[in-house]
Protein backbone atom coordinates (compact mmCIF):
# COMPACT_ATOMS: atom_id res chain seq x y z
CA UNK A 1 88.56 -48.06 -14.73
CA UNK A 2 91.97 -49.55 -15.53
CA UNK A 3 93.97 -48.32 -18.49
CA UNK A 4 95.54 -50.71 -21.01
CA UNK A 5 99.06 -51.96 -20.43
CA UNK A 6 101.53 -49.34 -21.62
CA UNK A 7 99.05 -46.44 -21.44
CA UNK A 8 100.97 -43.30 -20.41
CA UNK A 9 98.03 -40.88 -20.24
CA UNK A 10 97.53 -38.72 -17.17
CA UNK A 11 96.27 -40.47 -14.03
CA UNK A 12 93.31 -38.90 -12.23
CA UNK A 13 93.85 -38.99 -8.46
CA UNK A 14 91.36 -38.16 -5.74
CA UNK A 15 93.34 -37.35 -2.59
CA UNK A 16 91.41 -37.36 0.69
CA UNK A 17 92.50 -35.82 3.98
CA UNK A 18 90.73 -34.56 7.09
CA UNK A 19 93.47 -32.02 7.80
CA UNK A 20 94.59 -29.09 5.63
CA UNK A 21 95.77 -25.53 6.39
CA UNK A 22 93.09 -22.88 5.96
CA UNK A 23 95.66 -20.28 4.88
CA UNK A 24 99.38 -19.50 4.98
CA UNK A 25 99.23 -18.80 8.74
CA UNK A 26 97.56 -22.11 9.66
CA UNK A 27 99.82 -24.87 11.07
CA UNK A 28 97.25 -27.70 10.66
CA UNK A 29 97.88 -30.27 7.96
CA UNK A 30 100.80 -28.38 6.45
CA UNK A 31 102.40 -31.65 5.38
CA UNK A 32 99.26 -32.49 3.34
CA UNK A 33 99.62 -29.15 1.53
CA UNK A 34 103.27 -29.89 0.76
CA UNK A 35 102.43 -33.44 -0.36
CA UNK A 36 99.67 -32.23 -2.70
CA UNK A 37 101.87 -29.46 -4.08
CA UNK A 38 104.62 -31.91 -4.98
CA UNK A 39 102.25 -34.43 -6.59
CA UNK A 40 100.43 -31.72 -8.52
CA UNK A 41 103.73 -30.36 -9.83
CA UNK A 42 104.90 -33.80 -10.99
CA UNK A 43 103.21 -33.44 -14.38
CA UNK A 44 101.96 -37.04 -14.33
CA UNK A 45 98.79 -36.60 -12.31
CA UNK A 46 95.48 -34.76 -12.52
CA UNK A 47 95.04 -34.21 -8.77
CA UNK A 48 91.81 -33.31 -6.98
CA UNK A 49 91.76 -32.81 -3.20
CA UNK A 50 88.93 -33.60 -0.79
CA UNK A 51 90.01 -31.84 2.42
CA UNK A 52 89.05 -28.95 4.70
CA UNK A 53 88.89 -25.68 2.75
CA UNK A 54 92.10 -23.75 2.25
CA UNK A 55 94.40 -22.20 -0.33
CA UNK A 56 95.15 -24.97 -2.80
CA UNK A 57 98.61 -25.39 -4.37
CA UNK A 58 99.05 -24.89 -8.10
CA UNK A 59 97.82 -27.77 -10.30
CA UNK A 60 95.46 -29.05 -7.56
CA UNK A 61 91.65 -28.85 -7.89
CA UNK A 62 88.99 -29.07 -5.18
CA UNK A 63 86.81 -32.18 -5.02
CA UNK A 64 84.49 -30.85 -2.29
CA UNK A 65 80.76 -31.35 -2.78
CA UNK A 66 77.81 -29.43 -1.39
CA UNK A 67 78.24 -28.81 2.34
CA UNK A 68 81.58 -30.64 2.55
CA UNK A 69 83.66 -27.51 3.16
CA UNK A 70 81.61 -26.33 6.16
CA UNK A 71 81.44 -29.81 7.67
CA UNK A 72 85.16 -30.53 7.27
CA UNK A 73 86.08 -27.14 8.69
CA UNK A 74 84.05 -27.92 11.81
CA UNK A 75 85.66 -31.35 12.11
CA UNK A 76 89.15 -29.85 11.88
CA UNK A 77 88.33 -27.21 14.50
CA UNK A 78 87.13 -29.95 16.87
CA UNK A 79 90.56 -31.64 16.66
CA UNK A 80 89.71 -34.38 14.15
CA UNK A 81 88.30 -37.90 14.39
CA UNK A 82 91.16 -39.44 16.39
CA UNK A 83 91.06 -36.63 18.98
CA UNK A 84 87.27 -36.91 19.32
CA UNK A 85 87.44 -40.68 19.76
CA UNK A 86 89.93 -40.25 22.60
CA UNK A 87 88.15 -37.39 24.36
CA UNK A 88 84.45 -37.80 23.38
CA UNK A 89 83.94 -41.33 22.01
CA UNK A 90 80.26 -40.96 21.11
CA UNK A 91 80.84 -37.70 19.23
CA UNK A 92 83.86 -39.30 17.54
CA UNK A 93 81.82 -42.30 16.35
CA UNK A 94 79.05 -40.08 14.97
CA UNK A 95 81.57 -37.85 13.21
CA UNK A 96 83.27 -40.94 11.78
CA UNK A 97 79.98 -42.22 10.30
CA UNK A 98 79.28 -38.82 8.71
CA UNK A 99 82.82 -38.67 7.36
CA UNK A 100 82.51 -42.10 5.73
CA UNK A 101 79.25 -41.13 4.04
CA UNK A 102 80.52 -37.80 2.70
CA UNK A 103 83.82 -39.14 1.43
CA UNK A 104 82.16 -42.21 -0.08
CA UNK A 105 79.86 -39.95 -2.07
CA UNK A 106 82.88 -37.95 -3.30
CA UNK A 107 84.65 -41.18 -4.34
CA UNK A 108 81.62 -42.44 -6.27
CA UNK A 109 81.15 -39.10 -8.07
CA UNK A 110 84.85 -38.82 -8.90
CA UNK A 111 85.18 -42.37 -10.22
CA UNK A 112 82.07 -41.97 -12.38
CA UNK A 113 83.36 -38.88 -14.16
CA UNK A 114 86.98 -39.82 -14.95
CA UNK A 115 89.07 -42.58 -16.49
CA UNK A 116 92.29 -44.00 -14.98
CA UNK A 117 91.25 -43.08 -11.46
CA UNK A 118 93.09 -43.81 -8.20
CA UNK A 119 92.10 -42.84 -4.66
CA UNK A 120 94.92 -41.58 -2.43
CA UNK A 121 93.59 -41.68 1.12
CA UNK A 122 95.51 -40.16 4.01
CA UNK A 123 94.89 -41.92 7.33
CA UNK A 124 93.76 -45.52 7.43
CA UNK A 125 90.44 -44.61 9.06
CA UNK A 126 89.42 -42.71 5.90
CA UNK A 127 89.80 -45.87 3.82
CA UNK A 128 86.46 -47.03 5.23
CA UNK A 129 84.88 -44.58 2.76
CA UNK A 130 86.10 -46.66 -0.20
CA UNK A 131 83.60 -49.48 0.34
CA UNK A 132 81.43 -50.03 -2.69
CA UNK A 133 83.55 -47.91 -5.06
CA UNK A 134 85.99 -50.48 -6.51
CA UNK A 135 88.63 -47.74 -6.80
CA UNK A 136 92.27 -48.82 -6.65
CA UNK A 137 93.73 -47.08 -3.63
CA UNK A 138 96.96 -45.91 -2.10
CA UNK A 139 96.45 -45.43 1.63
CA UNK A 140 99.01 -43.60 3.75
CA UNK A 141 99.25 -44.85 7.34
CA UNK A 142 100.39 -42.73 10.28
CA UNK A 143 101.21 -43.67 13.85
CA UNK A 144 97.80 -42.59 15.15
CA UNK A 145 96.23 -45.16 12.80
CA UNK A 146 97.86 -48.00 14.71
CA UNK A 147 96.30 -46.63 17.86
CA UNK A 148 92.85 -46.68 16.23
CA UNK A 149 93.38 -50.28 15.10
CA UNK A 150 93.26 -51.26 18.76
CA UNK A 151 89.58 -50.29 18.85
CA UNK A 152 87.23 -53.31 18.72
CA UNK A 153 86.16 -54.11 15.18
CA UNK A 154 88.38 -51.55 13.45
CA UNK A 155 90.64 -54.11 11.78
CA UNK A 156 87.60 -55.99 10.42
CA UNK A 157 86.15 -52.75 9.02
CA UNK A 158 89.39 -51.84 7.27
CA UNK A 159 89.70 -55.37 5.86
CA UNK A 160 86.19 -55.13 4.42
CA UNK A 161 87.16 -51.84 2.73
CA UNK A 162 90.30 -53.40 1.21
CA UNK A 163 88.68 -56.60 0.00
CA UNK A 164 88.16 -56.83 -3.76
CA UNK A 165 90.32 -53.87 -4.80
CA UNK A 166 93.91 -53.19 -5.72
CA UNK A 167 95.46 -51.44 -2.76
CA UNK A 168 98.82 -50.33 -1.41
CA UNK A 169 99.17 -49.48 2.28
CA UNK A 170 101.95 -46.92 2.52
CA UNK A 171 103.04 -46.23 6.13
CA UNK A 172 105.33 -43.24 6.50
CA UNK A 173 107.76 -45.30 8.63
CA UNK A 174 109.22 -48.78 8.22
CA UNK A 175 108.65 -49.77 11.86
CA UNK A 176 104.91 -50.03 11.09
CA UNK A 177 105.40 -52.64 8.35
CA UNK A 178 105.21 -55.84 10.47
CA UNK A 179 101.93 -54.90 12.16
CA UNK A 180 100.31 -53.87 8.87
CA UNK A 181 101.55 -57.03 7.14
CA UNK A 182 100.04 -59.11 9.94
CA UNK A 183 96.63 -57.46 9.77
CA UNK A 184 96.28 -56.73 6.04
CA UNK A 185 99.11 -58.35 4.08
CA UNK A 186 96.81 -60.92 2.49
CA UNK A 187 94.60 -58.17 1.02
CA UNK A 188 97.02 -55.37 0.08
CA UNK A 189 100.64 -54.68 -0.66
CA UNK A 190 102.36 -52.98 2.27
CA UNK A 191 105.13 -50.57 1.25
CA UNK A 192 106.78 -47.83 3.32
CA UNK A 193 106.83 -44.42 1.62
CA UNK A 194 108.26 -41.89 4.08
CA UNK A 195 107.07 -38.29 3.90
CA UNK A 196 109.54 -35.80 2.47
CA UNK A 197 110.68 -32.40 3.70
CA UNK A 198 110.24 -28.86 2.43
CA UNK A 199 113.45 -27.17 1.33
CA UNK A 200 112.96 -24.41 3.93
CA UNK A 201 114.28 -26.70 6.67
CA UNK A 202 117.58 -27.47 4.94
CA UNK A 203 118.13 -23.72 4.45
CA UNK A 204 118.04 -22.90 8.20
CA UNK A 205 121.30 -21.45 9.55
CA UNK A 206 121.80 -21.69 13.31
CA UNK A 207 122.76 -18.44 15.01
CA UNK A 208 126.12 -18.01 16.76
CA UNK A 209 125.71 -19.08 20.36
CA UNK A 210 122.50 -21.07 19.73
CA UNK A 211 124.21 -24.34 20.65
CA UNK A 212 124.86 -23.05 24.20
CA UNK A 213 121.87 -20.72 24.58
CA UNK A 214 119.98 -22.77 27.19
CA UNK A 215 116.82 -22.41 25.07
CA UNK A 216 115.09 -25.69 24.20
CA UNK A 217 112.11 -26.10 21.90
CA UNK A 218 109.13 -28.44 22.14
CA UNK A 219 106.70 -28.29 19.18
CA UNK A 220 103.58 -30.21 20.10
CA UNK A 221 99.85 -30.18 20.42
CA UNK A 222 99.14 -29.68 24.12
CA UNK A 223 97.64 -33.01 25.18
CA UNK A 224 98.71 -35.28 28.00
CA UNK A 225 99.98 -37.97 25.64
CA UNK A 226 101.87 -35.53 23.40
CA UNK A 227 103.54 -33.77 26.35
CA UNK A 228 104.16 -37.24 27.79
CA UNK A 229 106.92 -37.32 30.40
CA UNK A 230 107.22 -33.54 30.58
CA UNK A 231 105.07 -33.29 33.71
CA UNK A 232 107.20 -35.92 35.51
CA UNK A 233 110.66 -34.97 34.28
CA UNK A 234 110.38 -31.29 33.42
CA UNK A 235 111.20 -29.82 36.83
CA UNK A 236 114.51 -31.70 36.96
CA UNK A 237 115.39 -30.45 33.46
CA UNK A 238 114.20 -26.84 33.68
CA UNK A 239 113.24 -26.08 37.28
CA UNK A 240 116.56 -24.46 38.28
CA UNK A 241 116.31 -21.81 35.55
CA UNK A 242 119.56 -22.73 33.76
CA UNK A 243 117.55 -23.87 30.77
CA UNK A 244 114.32 -22.52 29.29
CA UNK A 245 111.65 -24.60 27.56
CA UNK A 246 109.67 -22.90 24.79
CA UNK A 247 106.45 -24.79 24.00
CA UNK A 248 104.99 -24.17 20.55
CA UNK A 249 101.59 -25.62 19.67
CA UNK A 250 97.82 -25.43 20.12
CA UNK A 251 96.06 -26.36 23.36
CA UNK A 252 93.75 -29.33 22.72
CA UNK A 253 93.33 -30.31 26.37
CA UNK A 254 93.08 -28.19 29.50
CA UNK A 255 96.44 -28.66 31.21
CA UNK A 256 98.02 -26.46 33.86
CA UNK A 257 101.62 -25.95 32.83
CA UNK A 258 104.36 -25.04 35.31
CA UNK A 259 106.05 -21.65 35.19
CA UNK A 260 109.22 -23.02 33.57
CA UNK A 261 107.23 -24.06 30.45
CA UNK A 262 106.92 -20.90 28.33
CA UNK A 263 103.80 -21.15 26.12
CA UNK A 264 103.85 -19.41 22.75
CA UNK A 265 100.80 -20.93 21.03
CA UNK A 266 100.85 -22.43 17.52
CA UNK A 267 103.30 -21.25 14.88
CA UNK A 268 103.52 -21.71 11.13
CA UNK A 269 106.42 -23.61 9.55
CA UNK A 270 107.76 -20.32 8.22
CA UNK A 271 107.90 -18.84 11.73
CA UNK A 272 109.56 -21.98 13.13
CA UNK A 273 112.20 -21.92 10.39
CA UNK A 274 112.84 -18.20 10.61
CA UNK A 275 112.53 -17.38 14.32
CA UNK A 276 112.84 -20.54 16.41
CA UNK A 277 115.02 -23.23 14.88
CA UNK A 278 118.00 -20.89 14.34
CA UNK A 279 118.21 -19.78 17.99
CA UNK A 280 117.61 -22.86 20.15
CA UNK A 281 119.93 -25.49 21.58
CA UNK A 282 117.84 -28.45 20.42
CA UNK A 283 114.41 -30.03 20.05
CA UNK A 284 112.87 -31.94 22.96
CA UNK A 285 110.01 -34.42 22.65
CA UNK A 286 108.92 -36.52 25.62
CA UNK A 287 105.75 -37.83 23.96
CA UNK A 288 104.04 -41.08 24.89
CA UNK A 289 101.58 -40.70 21.98
CA UNK A 290 101.23 -43.21 19.10
CA UNK A 291 103.88 -41.51 16.99
CA UNK A 292 104.48 -42.64 13.41
CA UNK A 293 107.41 -40.65 12.05
CA UNK A 294 106.99 -37.20 13.61
CA UNK A 295 107.35 -34.58 10.90
CA UNK A 296 108.58 -31.89 13.28
CA UNK A 297 111.48 -34.11 14.38
CA UNK A 298 112.55 -34.60 10.77
CA UNK A 299 112.24 -30.87 10.13
CA UNK A 300 114.38 -30.03 13.17
CA UNK A 301 117.04 -32.53 12.11
CA UNK A 302 117.08 -31.10 8.58
CA UNK A 303 117.60 -27.68 10.18
CA UNK A 304 120.68 -28.96 12.03
CA UNK A 305 119.19 -29.38 15.51
CA UNK A 306 120.05 -32.29 17.80
CA UNK A 307 117.00 -34.05 19.25
CA UNK A 308 116.31 -35.48 22.69
CA UNK A 309 113.34 -37.85 22.51
CA UNK A 310 111.61 -40.58 24.47
CA UNK A 311 112.41 -44.12 23.39
CA UNK A 312 109.36 -44.81 21.20
CA UNK A 313 109.34 -46.80 17.93
CA UNK A 314 108.54 -43.68 15.91
CA UNK A 315 111.41 -41.80 17.56
CA UNK A 316 113.88 -44.68 17.26
CA UNK A 317 113.12 -44.72 13.53
CA UNK A 318 114.63 -41.23 13.27
CA UNK A 319 117.17 -40.54 16.01
CA UNK A 320 120.54 -42.28 15.92
CA UNK A 321 121.22 -42.48 19.65
CA UNK A 322 124.48 -40.71 20.52
CA UNK A 323 125.01 -39.51 16.94
CA UNK A 324 122.14 -37.21 15.92
CA UNK A 325 120.64 -36.85 19.39
CA UNK A 326 119.63 -39.00 22.34
CA UNK A 327 116.85 -41.48 23.09
CA UNK A 328 115.91 -41.40 26.77
CA UNK A 329 114.01 -43.83 29.01
CA UNK A 330 114.21 -42.05 32.37
CA UNK A 331 114.61 -38.59 33.84
CA UNK A 332 118.23 -39.44 34.67
CA UNK A 333 118.96 -40.26 31.03
CA UNK A 334 117.21 -37.05 29.93
CA UNK A 335 119.31 -34.99 32.37
CA UNK A 336 122.50 -36.62 31.10
CA UNK A 337 121.55 -36.08 27.45
CA UNK A 338 120.78 -32.40 27.90
CA UNK A 339 123.90 -31.86 30.00
CA UNK A 340 126.01 -33.37 27.22
CA UNK A 341 124.33 -31.09 24.69
CA UNK A 342 125.29 -28.08 26.84
CA UNK A 343 128.72 -28.67 25.28
CA UNK A 344 128.61 -26.34 22.27
CA UNK A 345 131.05 -28.35 20.16
CA UNK A 346 129.19 -31.63 20.68
CA UNK A 347 125.89 -29.87 20.08
CA UNK A 348 127.05 -28.54 16.71
CA UNK A 349 128.55 -31.89 15.72
CA UNK A 350 125.34 -33.77 16.49
CA UNK A 351 123.26 -31.11 14.74
CA UNK A 352 125.38 -31.40 11.60
CA UNK A 353 125.07 -35.20 11.73
CA UNK A 354 121.29 -34.83 12.04
CA UNK A 355 121.17 -32.63 8.93
CA UNK A 356 123.38 -35.04 6.98
CA UNK A 357 121.12 -37.95 7.94
CA UNK A 358 117.95 -36.05 6.97
CA UNK A 359 119.47 -35.13 3.61
CA UNK A 360 120.54 -38.69 2.82
CA UNK A 361 117.66 -40.70 4.30
CA UNK A 362 114.55 -38.51 4.04
CA UNK A 363 114.92 -36.21 1.05
CA UNK A 364 112.40 -33.77 -0.34
CA UNK A 365 108.69 -33.84 -1.11
CA UNK A 366 109.34 -34.20 -4.88
CA UNK A 367 111.22 -37.44 -4.04
CA UNK A 368 108.15 -38.71 -2.18
CA UNK A 369 105.82 -37.56 -4.96
CA UNK A 370 107.80 -39.66 -7.42
CA UNK A 371 107.24 -42.76 -5.29
CA UNK A 372 103.51 -42.02 -5.06
CA UNK A 373 103.22 -41.54 -8.84
CA UNK A 374 104.91 -44.87 -9.48
CA UNK A 375 102.51 -46.52 -7.03
CA UNK A 376 99.50 -44.97 -8.82
CA UNK A 377 100.71 -46.42 -12.13
CA UNK A 378 101.18 -49.86 -10.58
CA UNK A 379 97.67 -49.78 -9.15
CA UNK A 380 96.35 -49.19 -12.67
CA UNK A 381 98.42 -52.06 -14.08
CA UNK A 382 100.84 -49.82 -15.92
CA UNK A 383 104.59 -50.47 -16.22
């Protein structure tokens, strides 16, 4: 229900996400927690969250209905909809149908009990649950969403969910704008709103000797697409023992890793900021996945680490080649980049440039929350 022009009363927002940390030690969906915390603290929004169960930030209420918590927990433990669609398509489709029904019911109940209501849906796939509700909606779009749009019929389904409502598609990276404009620009405004960063990353201090330590960090879910070129290029980069690769992240596919890849399992943001980012020479990502604007790359840059990354649109959106790190297209380019970053002085210079760029161009979660709150007001026809 839209509020009159000039109404400054609190906006009720239903935020939906299929990823959320279960507790302080859980790495999953940490950026959703930080997003919700910043929006809830803004003072302009009455925020309710429909997401897997976990410790909610202050000023955020749960919107889960009967059975939602158990079902969403199981979905998160299975790797989520996108992972299921890639690995077990039938199970992914069935889970997607159940997700749409549950979230649609939550949207209908929420809209019926509150005035000045906006839906804030994370991941484009979850927007399918809005059909039949009439709710104005802000929909964040991540890189994996563009991968799902390649599935037959997915664009038509999303268009049917957008039709007849006020909507803003908010990708977290500008490189996604042209594709979203092409598919949905006649039905919704398309506006990039990049995700912010927690202040913990800007507070990281690199240890003496870290820039020439030989220790490199890869923070990634263990899947073939996320590890990307590592299997092809890794031996040339780490096989002689001069450098060590520390792999942080959960195993979502069964992959035999070579001896030079040291597995440590998943780690919380606090552990990364306290124990890993201060001691390593840089962050490496050789992903071939549909990356949007990888949060871990932004976090590493804010912490003062140079980045070596494959030349993907989502990586090019962040790394200034030769200034804050290197974009690589071949194993030879990767070898050259890492050899250059063996120079401690250049390593520190690039790391400082990465932190300066993250400070100026990305900012904090409260900055992002301000942009979301303005978008909510616009969706309700307020100034």
